């Protein structure tokens, strides 16, 4: 158990790798149309912030190993937000209010654009809501 805890704590403190450094920065996100209408009685879909910063600062939470801070640059109702590198050019971003959330998985192209999809979830059960998302790298302000 002690060995597992030490390994986990060391992993949290690792500096960002080259892929994370390439992904880090600011993006303007555009969410496309929902894949299907929201059924009556389900929660409204809350979009992710329009502009975000993928920070290299590690997330200060043990709930998300290897997570990094995801800062909203536009107003949002989401409290918890993080991002992490998943594969060569793939990034995962997630936002949550504690009751509802959205997870974005996107691939980064050679010119720095993000293309992927967002999936919403809720404590009330599966939402089955998805939408295409694009991200354009923008200057951090």
Foldseek 3Di string as FASTA:
>chain_A
DVVVVVVQVVQLPDFDDPLLVLLFAKKFKDWADKPDDFDPPDDDDFDDARMKTQDRAGDPDSVDRQWGDIGHPHDGLFDDKTKHDDDNFKIKIKTHNPFKIKIWIWGADPVGKTWTKIAIQGPVGGRPIMTIMIIDGDHDD
